[in-house]
Amino acid sequence: MKYELHSLPLSNSFAELGETFFSPVLPTPFEQPARLIHFNADAAELLDLDHKVQHEQDFANIFTGKQRLNGDAPLAMLYAGHQFGHYVPQLGDGRAVMLGETTNQRGEKWELQLKGSGQTPYSRAGDGRAVLRSTIREYLCSEAMHGLGIPTTRALCITGSDDEVYREQIETGAMLTRLAPSHVRFGSFEVFYYRDQHEPIRTLADYVIEHHYPELTERDDKYLALLKTVISRTARLLAQWQAVGFAHGVMNTDNMSILGLTLDYGPYGFVEAYDPDYVCNHSDHEGRYAFKNQPQIGLFNVSCLAQALLPLIDVDDAKAALEDYQPAYI
């Protein structure tokens, strides 16, 4: 069975957690007419979406925020994170809006997120927009990583208009419709740990376990088991990055997926010829996220997650769990 655009069964279980975890916000549509730039038929299969929907103007309108999908509950997620080793108390989706989620006929849940969809309460000084150049880069790399067998977010489509976006020069605006089973990050837990709000940590951990690690639900040590699972997934992800020469460029904890996915393709790069000191991010002046440092940064990041989960687990158990990172990486 393939869904028409307006019959796609959409809900938003994350929205049911309450506004402690997000801010409701609608996408800001482009001023100029919307158009579809590229449609990913393989990603559409993940949603059981009929390929012919790409030819409907409603498709371009929906995925630029001009129209809404039935059952959507648009929101921007709250999180914090360690950026270049320093804790930043509030970040959040500054230019992305999660429309909702759908479950395909294989029982797989996929969230739909518009990236470049305008300002949110977390935009700070940003305009909330994305440009066509960077949107194409994220699309190409996320699909390439999928082709390489590396866990990653996916991309359903690129949409755009003739709206101008100002960066170092005037560029063309665009939006990416990003797909992932979950967009929860390490920083989604950190924000509440540093606010000394322990109950939201438990609520979010229960949500992640219920929806993404249901095999842990009945365990007495389910929170420790969650940490161990994320440590293992992260270590294996980093090993896969190193194997193909992928440099992420911005390995902040707010860019680390609770599912062990490659998330947020910014100033990424690939090592063309082996260079352990390769730095793809021109703003990384000290080389913190150099190619050779990525595995150790992965350990730092899961250590930050372990700290954020300390209200739920014993500190000695957390330390012991972190000892599993290196064996999982190797």
C-alpha atoms as a PDB file:
ATOM      1  CA  MET A   1       0.000   0.000   0.000  1.00  0.00           C
ATOM      2  CA  LYS A   2       1.296   3.444  -0.957  1.00  0.00           C
ATOM      3  CA  TYR A   3       0.046   6.632   0.654  1.00  0.00           C
ATOM      4  CA  GLU A   4      -1.139   9.738  -1.089  1.00  0.00           C
ATOM      5  CA  LEU A   5       0.282  12.940   0.316  1.00  0.00           C
ATOM      6  CA  HIS A   6      -2.733  13.874   2.414  1.00  0.00           C
ATOM      7  CA  SER A   7      -3.397  10.322   3.607  1.00  0.00           C
ATOM      8  CA  LEU A   8       0.072   9.816   5.126  1.00  0.00           C
ATOM      9  CA  PRO A   9      -0.652   8.748   8.737  1.00  0.00           C
ATOM     10  CA  LEU A  10       1.117  11.363  10.832  1.00  0.00           C
ATOM     11  CA  SER A  11       1.319  11.803  14.595  1.00  0.00           C
ATOM     12  CA  ASN A  12       3.887  13.186  17.032  1.00  0.00           C
ATOM     13  CA  SER A  13       4.657  11.091  20.102  1.00  0.00           C
ATOM     14  CA  PHE A  14       7.417  13.494  21.146  1.00  0.00           C
ATOM     15  CA  ALA A  15       4.849  16.286  21.399  1.00  0.00           C
ATOM     16  CA  GLU A  16       2.990  14.190  23.971  1.00  0.00           C
ATOM     17  CA  LEU A  17       5.908  14.645  26.389  1.00  0.00           C
ATOM     18  CA  GLY A  18       4.874  18.254  26.950  1.00  0.00           C
ATOM     19  CA  GLU A  19       6.435  21.626  26.313  1.00  0.00           C
ATOM     20  CA  THR A  20       9.205  21.069  28.847  1.00  0.00           C
ATOM     21  CA  PHE A  21      11.013  19.359  25.971  1.00  0.00           C
ATOM     22  CA  PHE A  22      10.198  21.620  23.020  1.00  0.00           C
ATOM     23  CA  SER A  23       8.524  24.758  21.760  1.00  0.00           C
ATOM     24  CA  PRO A  24       5.557  24.552  19.380  1.00  0.00           C
ATOM     25  CA  VAL A  25       6.430  26.492  16.247  1.00  0.00           C
ATOM     26  CA  LEU A  26       5.217  26.583  12.668  1.00  0.00           C
ATOM     27  CA  PRO A  27       7.626  26.614   9.734  1.00  0.00           C
ATOM     28  CA  THR A  28       8.058  30.005   8.093  1.00  0.00           C
ATOM     29  CA  PRO A  29       7.316  29.592   4.384  1.00  0.00           C
ATOM     30  CA  PHE A  30       9.308  31.276   1.660  1.00  0.00           C
ATOM     31  CA  GLU A  31       7.875  34.484   0.257  1.00  0.00           C
ATOM     32  CA  GLN A  32       8.425  33.391  -3.346  1.00  0.00           C
ATOM     33  CA  PRO A  33       6.616  30.377  -4.871  1.00  0.00           C
ATOM     34  CA  ALA A  34       7.860  27.024  -3.603  1.00  0.00           C
ATOM     35  CA  ARG A  35       9.310  24.375  -5.880  1.00  0.00           C
ATOM     36  CA  LEU A  36      10.656  20.864  -5.580  1.00  0.00           C
ATOM     37  CA  ILE A  37      14.358  20.694  -6.388  1.00  0.00           C
ATOM     38  CA  HIS A  38      14.973  16.998  -5.799  1.00  0.00           C
ATOM     39  CA  PHE A  39      12.894  14.013  -4.670  1.00  0.00           C
ATOM     40  CA  ASN A  40      14.502  10.920  -3.140  1.00  0.00           C
ATOM     41  CA  ALA A  41      12.471   7.915  -4.247  1.00  0.00           C
ATOM     42  CA  ASP A  42      14.429   5.546  -1.985  1.00  0.00           C
ATOM     43  CA  ALA A  43      13.639   7.655   1.079  1.00  0.00           C
ATOM     44  CA  ALA A  44       9.986   7.884   0.034  1.00  0.00           C
ATOM     45  CA  GLU A  45       9.868   4.091   0.308  1.00  0.00           C
ATOM     46  CA  LEU A  46      10.689   4.441   4.014  1.00  0.00           C
ATOM     47  CA  LEU A  47       7.399   6.310   4.425  1.00  0.00           C
ATOM     48  CA  ASP A  48       5.379   4.106   2.034  1.00  0.00           C
ATOM     49  CA  LEU A  49       4.801   7.317   0.093  1.00  0.00           C
ATOM     50  CA  ASP A  50       3.613   7.103  -3.506  1.00  0.00           C
ATOM     51  CA  HIS A  51       6.278   8.507  -5.826  1.00  0.00           C
ATOM     52  CA  LYS A  52       3.736  10.426  -7.865  1.00  0.00           C
ATOM     53  CA  VAL A  53       3.250  12.898  -4.998  1.00  0.00           C
ATOM     54  CA  GLN A  54       6.437  14.641  -6.123  1.00  0.00           C
ATOM     55  CA  HIS A  55       4.533  16.044  -9.098  1.00  0.00           C
ATOM     56  CA  GLU A  56       1.916  17.758  -6.924  1.00  0.00           C
ATOM     57  CA  GLN A  57       2.377  21.418  -6.041  1.00  0.00           C
ATOM     58  CA  ASP A  58       1.042  20.539  -2.596  1.00  0.00           C
ATOM     59  CA  PHE A  59       4.213  18.508  -2.035  1.00  0.00           C
ATOM     60  CA  ALA A  60       6.470  21.525  -2.553  1.00  0.00           C
ATOM     61  CA  ASN A  61       4.120  23.679  -0.495  1.00  0.00           C
ATOM     62  CA  ILE A  62       4.013  21.271   2.455  1.00  0.00           C
ATOM     63  CA  PHE A  63       7.756  20.792   2.586  1.00  0.00           C
ATOM     64  CA  THR A  64       8.384  24.518   2.545  1.00  0.00           C
ATOM     65  CA  GLY A  65       5.814  25.224   5.249  1.00  0.00           C
ATOM     66  CA  LYS A  66       3.146  26.815   3.041  1.00  0.00           C
ATOM     67  CA  GLN A  67       0.656  24.031   3.766  1.00  0.00           C
ATOM     68  CA  ARG A  68       0.293  21.548   6.592  1.00  0.00           C
ATOM     69  CA  LEU A  69       0.060  17.787   6.676  1.00  0.00           C
ATOM     70  CA  ASN A  70      -2.914  16.170   8.360  1.00  0.00           C
ATOM     71  CA  GLY A  71      -2.020  15.175  11.905  1.00  0.00           C
ATOM     72  CA  ASP A  72       1.158  17.232  12.173  1.00  0.00           C
ATOM     73  CA  ALA A  73       2.280  18.908  15.412  1.00  0.00           C
ATOM     74  CA  PRO A  74       5.244  21.104  14.436  1.00  0.00           C
ATOM     75  CA  LEU A  75       7.825  21.731  17.139  1.00  0.00           C
ATOM     76  CA  ALA A  76      11.419  22.744  17.745  1.00  0.00           C
ATOM     77  CA  MET A  77      13.273  20.503  20.182  1.00  0.00           C
ATOM     78  CA  LEU A  78      15.083  21.849  23.237  1.00  0.00           C
ATOM     79  CA  TYR A  79      18.619  20.717  24.021  1.00  0.00           C
ATOM     80  CA  ALA A  80      21.955  21.996  25.265  1.00  0.00           C
ATOM     81  CA  GLY A  81      25.445  20.665  24.659  1.00  0.00           C
ATOM     82  CA  HIS A  82      29.188  20.796  24.978  1.00  0.00           C
ATOM     83  CA  GLN A  83      30.493  22.842  22.057  1.00  0.00           C
ATOM     84  CA  PHE A  84      34.241  22.585  21.513  1.00  0.00           C
ATOM     85  CA  GLY A  85      34.497  21.183  25.031  1.00  0.00           C
ATOM     86  CA  HIS A  86      32.554  23.973  26.748  1.00  0.00           C
ATOM     87  CA  TYR A  87      29.024  23.588  28.048  1.00  0.00           C
ATOM     88  CA  VAL A  88      26.431  25.839  26.395  1.00  0.00           C
ATOM     89  CA  PRO A  89      23.269  25.857  28.531  1.00  0.00           C
ATOM     90  CA  GLN A  90      20.602  26.223  25.861  1.00  0.00           C
ATOM     91  CA  LEU A  91      20.726  25.495  22.161  1.00  0.00           C
ATOM     92  CA  GLY A  92      17.780  23.718  20.532  1.00  0.00           C
ATOM     93  CA  ASP A  93      16.529  23.515  16.963  1.00  0.00           C
ATOM     94  CA  GLY A  94      17.390  26.976  15.730  1.00  0.00           C
ATOM     95  CA  ARG A  95      16.457  26.389  12.106  1.00  0.00           C
ATOM     96  CA  ALA A  96      14.533  23.137  12.056  1.00  0.00           C
ATOM     97  CA  VAL A  97      10.965  22.098  12.811  1.00  0.00           C
ATOM     98  CA  MET A  98       9.879  18.516  13.385  1.00  0.00           C
ATOM     99  CA  LEU A  99       6.517  18.061  11.676  1.00  0.00           C
ATOM    100  CA  GLY A 100       5.662  14.678  13.143  1.00  0.00           C
ATOM    101  CA  GLU A 101       6.259  10.984  12.642  1.00  0.00           C
ATOM    102  CA  THR A 102       4.856   8.124  10.652  1.00  0.00           C
ATOM    103  CA  THR A 103       5.179   4.364  11.063  1.00  0.00           C
ATOM    104  CA  ASN A 104       5.545   2.363   7.878  1.00  0.00           C
ATOM    105  CA  GLN A 105       4.095  -1.052   7.153  1.00  0.00           C
ATOM    106  CA  ARG A 106       7.297  -2.698   8.412  1.00  0.00           C
ATOM    107  CA  GLY A 107       6.773  -1.110  11.811  1.00  0.00           C
ATOM    108  CA  GLU A 108       9.596   1.436  11.393  1.00  0.00           C
ATOM    109  CA  LYS A 109       9.030   4.902  12.824  1.00  0.00           C
ATOM    110  CA  TRP A 110      10.341   7.911  10.897  1.00  0.00           C
ATOM    111  CA  GLU A 111      10.258  11.519  12.043  1.00  0.00           C
ATOM    112  CA  LEU A 112       9.950  14.227   9.380  1.00  0.00           C
ATOM    113  CA  GLN A 113      11.914  17.397  10.053  1.00  0.00           C
ATOM    114  CA  LEU A 114      12.162  20.536   7.930  1.00  0.00           C
ATOM    115  CA  LYS A 115      15.644  22.050   8.090  1.00  0.00           C
ATOM    116  CA  GLY A 116      15.979  25.680   7.045  1.00  0.00           C
ATOM    117  CA  SER A 117      12.352  26.385   7.932  1.00  0.00           C
ATOM    118  CA  GLY A 118      12.831  29.757   9.626  1.00  0.00           C
ATOM    119  CA  GLN A 119      13.319  31.117  13.096  1.00  0.00           C
ATOM    120  CA  THR A 120      12.370  29.290  16.282  1.00  0.00           C
ATOM    121  CA  PRO A 121      12.662  30.302  19.950  1.00  0.00           C
ATOM    122  CA  TYR A 122      16.164  28.767  19.826  1.00  0.00           C
ATOM    123  CA  SER A 123      17.482  30.680  16.807  1.00  0.00           C
ATOM    124  CA  ARG A 124      19.332  33.255  18.887  1.00  0.00           C
ATOM    125  CA  ALA A 125      20.730  35.712  16.308  1.00  0.00           C
ATOM    126  CA  GLY A 126      20.215  33.378  13.344  1.00  0.00           C
ATOM    127  CA  ASP A 127      17.667  33.761  10.568  1.00  0.00           C
ATOM    128  CA  GLY A 128      16.658  30.100  10.718  1.00  0.00           C
ATOM    129  CA  ARG A 129      17.306  29.605   7.028  1.00  0.00           C
ATOM    130  CA  ALA A 130      19.480  27.236   5.009  1.00  0.00           C
ATOM    131  CA  VAL A 131      21.010  27.853   1.608  1.00  0.00           C
ATOM    132  CA  LEU A 132      20.805  25.594  -1.406  1.00  0.00           C
ATOM    133  CA  ARG A 133      24.549  24.928  -1.394  1.00  0.00           C
ATOM    134  CA  SER A 134      24.665  23.512   2.153  1.00  0.00           C
ATOM    135  CA  THR A 135      21.353  21.714   1.708  1.00  0.00           C
ATOM    136  CA  ILE A 136      22.695  19.835  -1.313  1.00  0.00           C
ATOM    137  CA  ARG A 137      25.836  18.983   0.667  1.00  0.00           C
ATOM    138  CA  GLU A 138      23.822  17.472   3.521  1.00  0.00           C
ATOM    139  CA  TYR A 139      21.572  15.576   1.138  1.00  0.00           C
ATOM    140  CA  LEU A 140      24.479  14.085  -0.809  1.00  0.00           C
ATOM    141  CA  CYS A 141      26.502  13.076   2.226  1.00  0.00           C
ATOM    142  CA  SER A 142      23.654  11.575   4.228  1.00  0.00           C
ATOM    143  CA  GLU A 143      22.665   9.435   1.259  1.00  0.00           C
ATOM    144  CA  ALA A 144      26.306   8.528   0.565  1.00  0.00           C
ATOM    145  CA  MET A 145      26.779   7.438   4.172  1.00  0.00           C
ATOM    146  CA  HIS A 146      23.659   5.308   3.901  1.00  0.00           C
ATOM    147  CA  GLY A 147      25.076   3.739   0.765  1.00  0.00           C
ATOM    148  CA  LEU A 148      28.289   2.981   2.660  1.00  0.00           C
ATOM    149  CA  GLY A 149      26.286   1.167   5.324  1.00  0.00           C
ATOM    150  CA  ILE A 150      26.923   3.789   8.009  1.00  0.00           C
ATOM    151  CA  PRO A 151      24.013   4.732  10.321  1.00  0.00           C
ATOM    152  CA  THR A 152      22.719   8.157   9.336  1.00  0.00           C
ATOM    153  CA  THR A 153      19.741  10.415   8.985  1.00  0.00           C
ATOM    154  CA  ARG A 154      18.107  10.305   5.558  1.00  0.00           C
ATOM    155  CA  ALA A 155      16.751  12.982   3.230  1.00  0.00           C
ATOM    156  CA  LEU A 156      13.348  12.871   1.541  1.00  0.00           C
ATOM    157  CA  CYS A 157      13.669  15.953  -0.620  1.00  0.00           C
ATOM    158  CA  ILE A 158      15.155  19.358  -1.256  1.00  0.00           C
ATOM    159  CA  THR A 159      12.704  22.201  -1.740  1.00  0.00           C
ATOM    160  CA  GLY A 160      13.343  25.847  -2.407  1.00  0.00           C
ATOM    161  CA  SER A 161      12.301  29.117  -3.965  1.00  0.00           C
ATOM    162  CA  ASP A 162      13.880  32.283  -5.325  1.00  0.00           C
ATOM    163  CA  ASP A 163      14.084  33.790  -1.828  1.00  0.00           C
ATOM    164  CA  GLU A 164      17.488  35.272  -1.092  1.00  0.00           C
ATOM    165  CA  VAL A 165      19.416  34.277   2.018  1.00  0.00           C
ATOM    166  CA  TYR A 166      22.309  36.407   3.197  1.00  0.00           C
ATOM    167  CA  ARG A 167      25.522  34.695   4.253  1.00  0.00           C
ATOM    168  CA  GLU A 168      28.985  35.839   3.172  1.00  0.00           C
ATOM    169  CA  GLN A 169      27.202  36.563  -0.079  1.00  0.00           C
ATOM    170  CA  ILE A 170      23.629  36.411  -1.330  1.00  0.00           C
ATOM    171  CA  GLU A 171      22.553  32.798  -1.840  1.00  0.00           C
ATOM    172  CA  THR A 172      19.383  30.916  -2.731  1.00  0.00           C
ATOM    173  CA  GLY A 173      17.235  29.623   0.119  1.00  0.00           C
ATOM    174  CA  ALA A 174      16.299  25.954   0.415  1.00  0.00           C
ATOM    175  CA  MET A 175      14.895  23.424   2.869  1.00  0.00           C
ATOM    176  CA  LEU A 176      15.826  19.816   3.486  1.00  0.00           C
ATOM    177  CA  THR A 177      13.242  17.320   4.681  1.00  0.00           C
ATOM    178  CA  ARG A 178      15.274  15.131   7.007  1.00  0.00           C
ATOM    179  CA  LEU A 179      14.161  11.690   8.158  1.00  0.00           C
ATOM    180  CA  ALA A 180      15.305   9.866  11.282  1.00  0.00           C
ATOM    181  CA  PRO A 181      13.748   7.419  13.731  1.00  0.00           C
ATOM    182  CA  SER A 182      14.556  10.018  16.392  1.00  0.00           C
ATOM    183  CA  HIS A 183      16.247  13.406  16.591  1.00  0.00           C
ATOM    184  CA  VAL A 184      16.948  13.095  20.341  1.00  0.00           C
ATOM    185  CA  ARG A 185      20.560  14.009  21.091  1.00  0.00           C
ATOM    186  CA  PHE A 186      22.951  13.693  24.006  1.00  0.00           C
ATOM    187  CA  GLY A 187      22.274  17.369  24.660  1.00  0.00           C
ATOM    188  CA  SER A 188      18.567  16.614  25.076  1.00  0.00           C
ATOM    189  CA  PHE A 189      19.513  15.040  28.425  1.00  0.00           C
ATOM    190  CA  GLU A 190      22.288  17.469  29.332  1.00  0.00           C
ATOM    191  CA  VAL A 191      20.004  20.489  29.371  1.00  0.00           C
ATOM    192  CA  PHE A 192      18.001  19.059  32.280  1.00  0.00           C
ATOM    193  CA  TYR A 193      21.009  17.697  34.160  1.00  0.00           C
ATOM    194  CA  TYR A 194      22.614  21.129  34.325  1.00  0.00           C
ATOM    195  CA  ARG A 195      19.305  22.701  35.300  1.00  0.00           C
ATOM    196  CA  ASP A 196      19.120  20.176  38.155  1.00  0.00           C
ATOM    197  CA  GLN A 197      15.779  18.941  36.794  1.00  0.00           C
ATOM    198  CA  HIS A 198      15.909  15.197  37.287  1.00  0.00           C
ATOM    199  CA  GLU A 199      12.354  14.176  36.477  1.00  0.00           C
ATOM    200  CA  PRO A 200      12.540  15.277  32.805  1.00  0.00           C
ATOM    201  CA  ILE A 201      15.683  13.144  32.454  1.00  0.00           C
ATOM    202  CA  ARG A 202      13.714  10.098  33.582  1.00  0.00           C
ATOM    203  CA  THR A 203      10.763  11.017  31.363  1.00  0.00           C
ATOM    204  CA  LEU A 204      12.975  11.404  28.298  1.00  0.00           C
ATOM    205  CA  ALA A 205      14.906   8.208  29.037  1.00  0.00           C
ATOM    206  CA  ASP A 206      11.630   6.301  29.400  1.00  0.00           C
ATOM    207  CA  TYR A 207      10.446   7.750  26.087  1.00  0.00           C
ATOM    208  CA  VAL A 208      13.636   6.755  24.264  1.00  0.00           C
ATOM    209  CA  ILE A 209      13.515   3.240  25.721  1.00  0.00           C
ATOM    210  CA  GLU A 210       9.829   2.747  24.922  1.00  0.00           C
ATOM    211  CA  HIS A 211      10.089   3.942  21.338  1.00  0.00           C
ATOM    212  CA  HIS A 212      13.601   2.903  20.313  1.00  0.00           C
ATOM    213  CA  TYR A 213      14.963   0.320  22.752  1.00  0.00           C
ATOM    214  CA  PRO A 214      11.833  -1.610  23.809  1.00  0.00           C
ATOM    215  CA  GLU A 215      13.932  -4.678  24.612  1.00  0.00           C
ATOM    216  CA  LEU A 216      15.198  -2.768  27.673  1.00  0.00           C
ATOM    217  CA  THR A 217      11.776  -1.861  29.049  1.00  0.00           C
ATOM    218  CA  GLU A 218      11.404  -4.653  31.601  1.00  0.00           C
ATOM    219  CA  ARG A 219      14.985  -4.613  32.841  1.00  0.00           C
ATOM    220  CA  ASP A 220      15.662  -3.468  36.397  1.00  0.00           C
ATOM    221  CA  ASP A 221      18.783  -1.692  35.131  1.00  0.00           C
ATOM    222  CA  LYS A 222      17.140  -0.220  32.028  1.00  0.00           C
ATOM    223  CA  TYR A 223      18.791   3.203  32.345  1.00  0.00           C
ATOM    224  CA  LEU A 224      22.250   1.709  32.695  1.00  0.00           C
ATOM    225  CA  ALA A 225      21.456  -0.631  29.806  1.00  0.00           C
ATOM    226  CA  LEU A 226      20.425   2.401  27.745  1.00  0.00           C
ATOM    227  CA  LEU A 227      23.755   4.070  28.449  1.00  0.00           C
ATOM    228  CA  LYS A 228      25.683   0.907  27.575  1.00  0.00           C
ATOM    229  CA  THR A 229      23.791   0.529  24.313  1.00  0.00           C
ATOM    230  CA  VAL A 230      24.413   4.131  23.269  1.00  0.00           C
ATOM    231  CA  ILE A 231      28.101   3.822  24.176  1.00  0.00           C
ATOM    232  CA  SER A 232      28.405   0.730  21.994  1.00  0.00           C
ATOM    233  CA  ARG A 233      26.533   2.271  19.069  1.00  0.00           C
ATOM    234  CA  THR A 234      28.584   5.458  19.256  1.00  0.00           C
ATOM    235  CA  ALA A 235      31.886   3.582  19.372  1.00  0.00           C
ATOM    236  CA  ARG A 236      30.926   1.486  16.352  1.00  0.00           C
ATOM    237  CA  LEU A 237      29.764   4.596  14.492  1.00  0.00           C
ATOM    238  CA  LEU A 238      33.110   6.294  15.093  1.00  0.00           C
ATOM    239  CA  ALA A 239      34.943   3.201  13.877  1.00  0.00           C
ATOM    240  CA  GLN A 240      32.926   3.323  10.660  1.00  0.00           C
ATOM    241  CA  TRP A 241      33.699   7.015  10.202  1.00  0.00           C
ATOM    242  CA  GLN A 242      37.408   6.379  10.576  1.00  0.00           C
ATOM    243  CA  ALA A 243      37.274   3.438   8.179  1.00  0.00           C
ATOM    244  CA  VAL A 244      35.952   5.574   5.305  1.00  0.00           C
ATOM    245  CA  GLY A 245      37.889   8.735   6.163  1.00  0.00           C
ATOM    246  CA  PHE A 246      34.844  10.775   7.199  1.00  0.00           C
ATOM    247  CA  ALA A 247      35.462  13.901   9.271  1.00  0.00           C
ATOM    248  CA  HIS A 248      32.342  15.321  10.914  1.00  0.00           C
ATOM    249  CA  GLY A 249      33.787  18.695  11.822  1.00  0.00           C
ATOM    250  CA  VAL A 250      31.418  19.633  14.663  1.00  0.00           C
ATOM    251  CA  MET A 251      31.322  16.737  17.122  1.00  0.00           C
ATOM    252  CA  ASN A 252      29.549  18.706  19.822  1.00  0.00           C
ATOM    253  CA  THR A 253      27.271  16.726  22.126  1.00  0.00           C
ATOM    254  CA  ASP A 254      24.236  18.467  20.646  1.00  0.00           C
ATOM    255  CA  ASN A 255      25.171  16.801  17.342  1.00  0.00           C
ATOM    256  CA  MET A 256      25.370  13.285  18.794  1.00  0.00           C
ATOM    257  CA  SER A 257      22.395  10.993  18.209  1.00  0.00           C
ATOM    258  CA  ILE A 258      20.941   8.862  20.997  1.00  0.00           C
ATOM    259  CA  LEU A 259      20.534   6.147  18.333  1.00  0.00           C
ATOM    260  CA  GLY A 260      24.120   6.265  17.108  1.00  0.00           C
ATOM    261  CA  LEU A 261      23.269   7.954  13.800  1.00  0.00           C
ATOM    262  CA  THR A 262      25.423  10.371  11.855  1.00  0.00           C
ATOM    263  CA  LEU A 263      23.604  13.627  12.519  1.00  0.00           C
ATOM    264  CA  ASP A 264      23.986  17.228  11.308  1.00  0.00           C
ATOM    265  CA  TYR A 265      26.186  17.486   8.244  1.00  0.00           C
ATOM    266  CA  GLY A 266      27.834  20.881   8.481  1.00  0.00           C
ATOM    267  CA  PRO A 267      31.486  21.469   7.546  1.00  0.00           C
ATOM    268  CA  TYR A 268      32.164  17.768   7.011  1.00  0.00           C
ATOM    269  CA  GLY A 269      34.835  16.375   4.733  1.00  0.00           C
ATOM    270  CA  PHE A 270      36.567  13.194   3.638  1.00  0.00           C
ATOM    271  CA  VAL A 271      40.274  12.485   3.934  1.00  0.00           C
ATOM    272  CA  GLU A 272      41.378  12.202   0.307  1.00  0.00           C
ATOM    273  CA  ALA A 273      44.870  10.960   1.216  1.00  0.00           C
ATOM    274  CA  TYR A 274      45.616   9.811   4.748  1.00  0.00           C
ATOM    275  CA  ASP A 275      46.212  12.835   6.933  1.00  0.00           C
ATOM    276  CA  PRO A 276      45.520  12.283  10.645  1.00  0.00           C
ATOM    277  CA  ASP A 277      45.665  16.039  11.268  1.00  0.00           C
ATOM    278  CA  TYR A 278      42.957  16.802   8.698  1.00  0.00           C
ATOM    279  CA  VAL A 279      40.529  19.481   9.941  1.00  0.00           C
ATOM    280  CA  CYS A 280      37.489  20.159   7.771  1.00  0.00           C
ATOM    281  CA  ASN A 281      36.004  22.917   9.932  1.00  0.00           C
ATOM    282  CA  HIS A 282      37.750  26.227   9.279  1.00  0.00           C
ATOM    283  CA  SER A 283      36.506  27.594  12.614  1.00  0.00           C
ATOM    284  CA  ASP A 284      38.198  24.743  14.521  1.00  0.00           C
ATOM    285  CA  HIS A 285      41.406  26.705  14.976  1.00  0.00           C
ATOM    286  CA  GLU A 286      42.911  24.359  17.572  1.00  0.00           C
ATOM    287  CA  GLY A 287      42.041  21.167  15.702  1.00  0.00           C
ATOM    288  CA  ARG A 288      39.856  19.726  18.449  1.00  0.00           C
ATOM    289  CA  TYR A 289      37.823  17.807  15.882  1.00  0.00           C
ATOM    290  CA  ALA A 290      40.727  16.766  13.666  1.00  0.00           C
ATOM    291  CA  PHE A 291      40.286  13.385  12.005  1.00  0.00           C
ATOM    292  CA  LYS A 292      42.685  11.634  14.397  1.00  0.00           C
ATOM    293  CA  ASN A 293      40.848  12.993  17.446  1.00  0.00           C
ATOM    294  CA  GLN A 294      37.363  11.791  16.544  1.00  0.00           C
ATOM    295  CA  PRO A 295      37.444   8.461  18.438  1.00  0.00           C
ATOM    296  CA  GLN A 296      38.591  10.188  21.636  1.00  0.00           C
ATOM    297  CA  ILE A 297      35.979  12.913  21.197  1.00  0.00           C
ATOM    298  CA  GLY A 298      33.389  10.165  20.880  1.00  0.00           C
ATOM    299  CA  LEU A 299      34.468   8.906  24.304  1.00  0.00           C
ATOM    300  CA  PHE A 300      34.279  12.431  25.717  1.00  0.00           C
ATOM    301  CA  ASN A 301      30.766  12.802  24.342  1.00  0.00           C
ATOM    302  CA  VAL A 302      29.423   9.547  25.783  1.00  0.00           C
ATOM    303  CA  SER A 303      31.046  10.565  29.085  1.00  0.00           C
ATOM    304  CA  CYS A 304      28.947  13.734  28.968  1.00  0.00           C
ATOM    305  CA  LEU A 305      25.857  11.617  28.366  1.00  0.00           C
ATOM    306  CA  ALA A 306      26.802   9.335  31.260  1.00  0.00           C
ATOM    307  CA  GLN A 307      27.091  12.356  33.523  1.00  0.00           C
ATOM    308  CA  ALA A 308      23.674  13.596  32.421  1.00  0.00           C
ATOM    309  CA  LEU A 309      22.171  10.207  33.333  1.00  0.00           C
ATOM    310  CA  LEU A 310      23.691  10.113  36.837  1.00  0.00           C
ATOM    311  CA  PRO A 311      20.347  10.961  38.483  1.00  0.00           C
ATOM    312  CA  LEU A 312      19.176   7.572  37.157  1.00  0.00           C
ATOM    313  CA  ILE A 313      22.261   5.370  37.528  1.00  0.00           C
ATOM    314  CA  ASP A 314      25.081   4.750  39.990  1.00  0.00           C
ATOM    315  CA  VAL A 315      28.276   6.675  39.289  1.00  0.00           C
ATOM    316  CA  ASP A 316      30.477   3.577  39.571  1.00  0.00           C
ATOM    317  CA  ASP A 317      28.238   1.710  37.132  1.00  0.00           C
ATOM    318  CA  ALA A 318      28.491   4.637  34.722  1.00  0.00           C
ATOM    319  CA  LYS A 319      32.286   4.640  34.954  1.00  0.00           C
ATOM    320  CA  ALA A 320      32.371   0.893  34.332  1.00  0.00           C
ATOM    321  CA  ALA A 321      30.095   1.293  31.303  1.00  0.00           C
ATOM    322  CA  LEU A 322      32.482   3.831  29.795  1.00  0.00           C
ATOM    323  CA  GLU A 323      35.234   1.227  29.931  1.00  0.00           C
ATOM    324  CA  ASP A 324      33.331  -0.628  27.198  1.00  0.00           C
ATOM    325  CA  TYR A 325      33.830   2.172  24.668  1.00  0.00           C
ATOM    326  CA  GLN A 326      37.305   1.235  23.477  1.00  0.00           C
ATOM    327  CA  PRO A 327      36.605  -2.508  23.027  1.00  0.00           C
ATOM    328  CA  ALA A 328      33.445  -1.648  21.066  1.00  0.00           C
ATOM    329  CA  TYR A 329      35.416   0.792  18.899  1.00  0.00           C
ATOM    330  CA  ILE A 330      38.156  -1.717  18.156  1.00  0.00           C
END
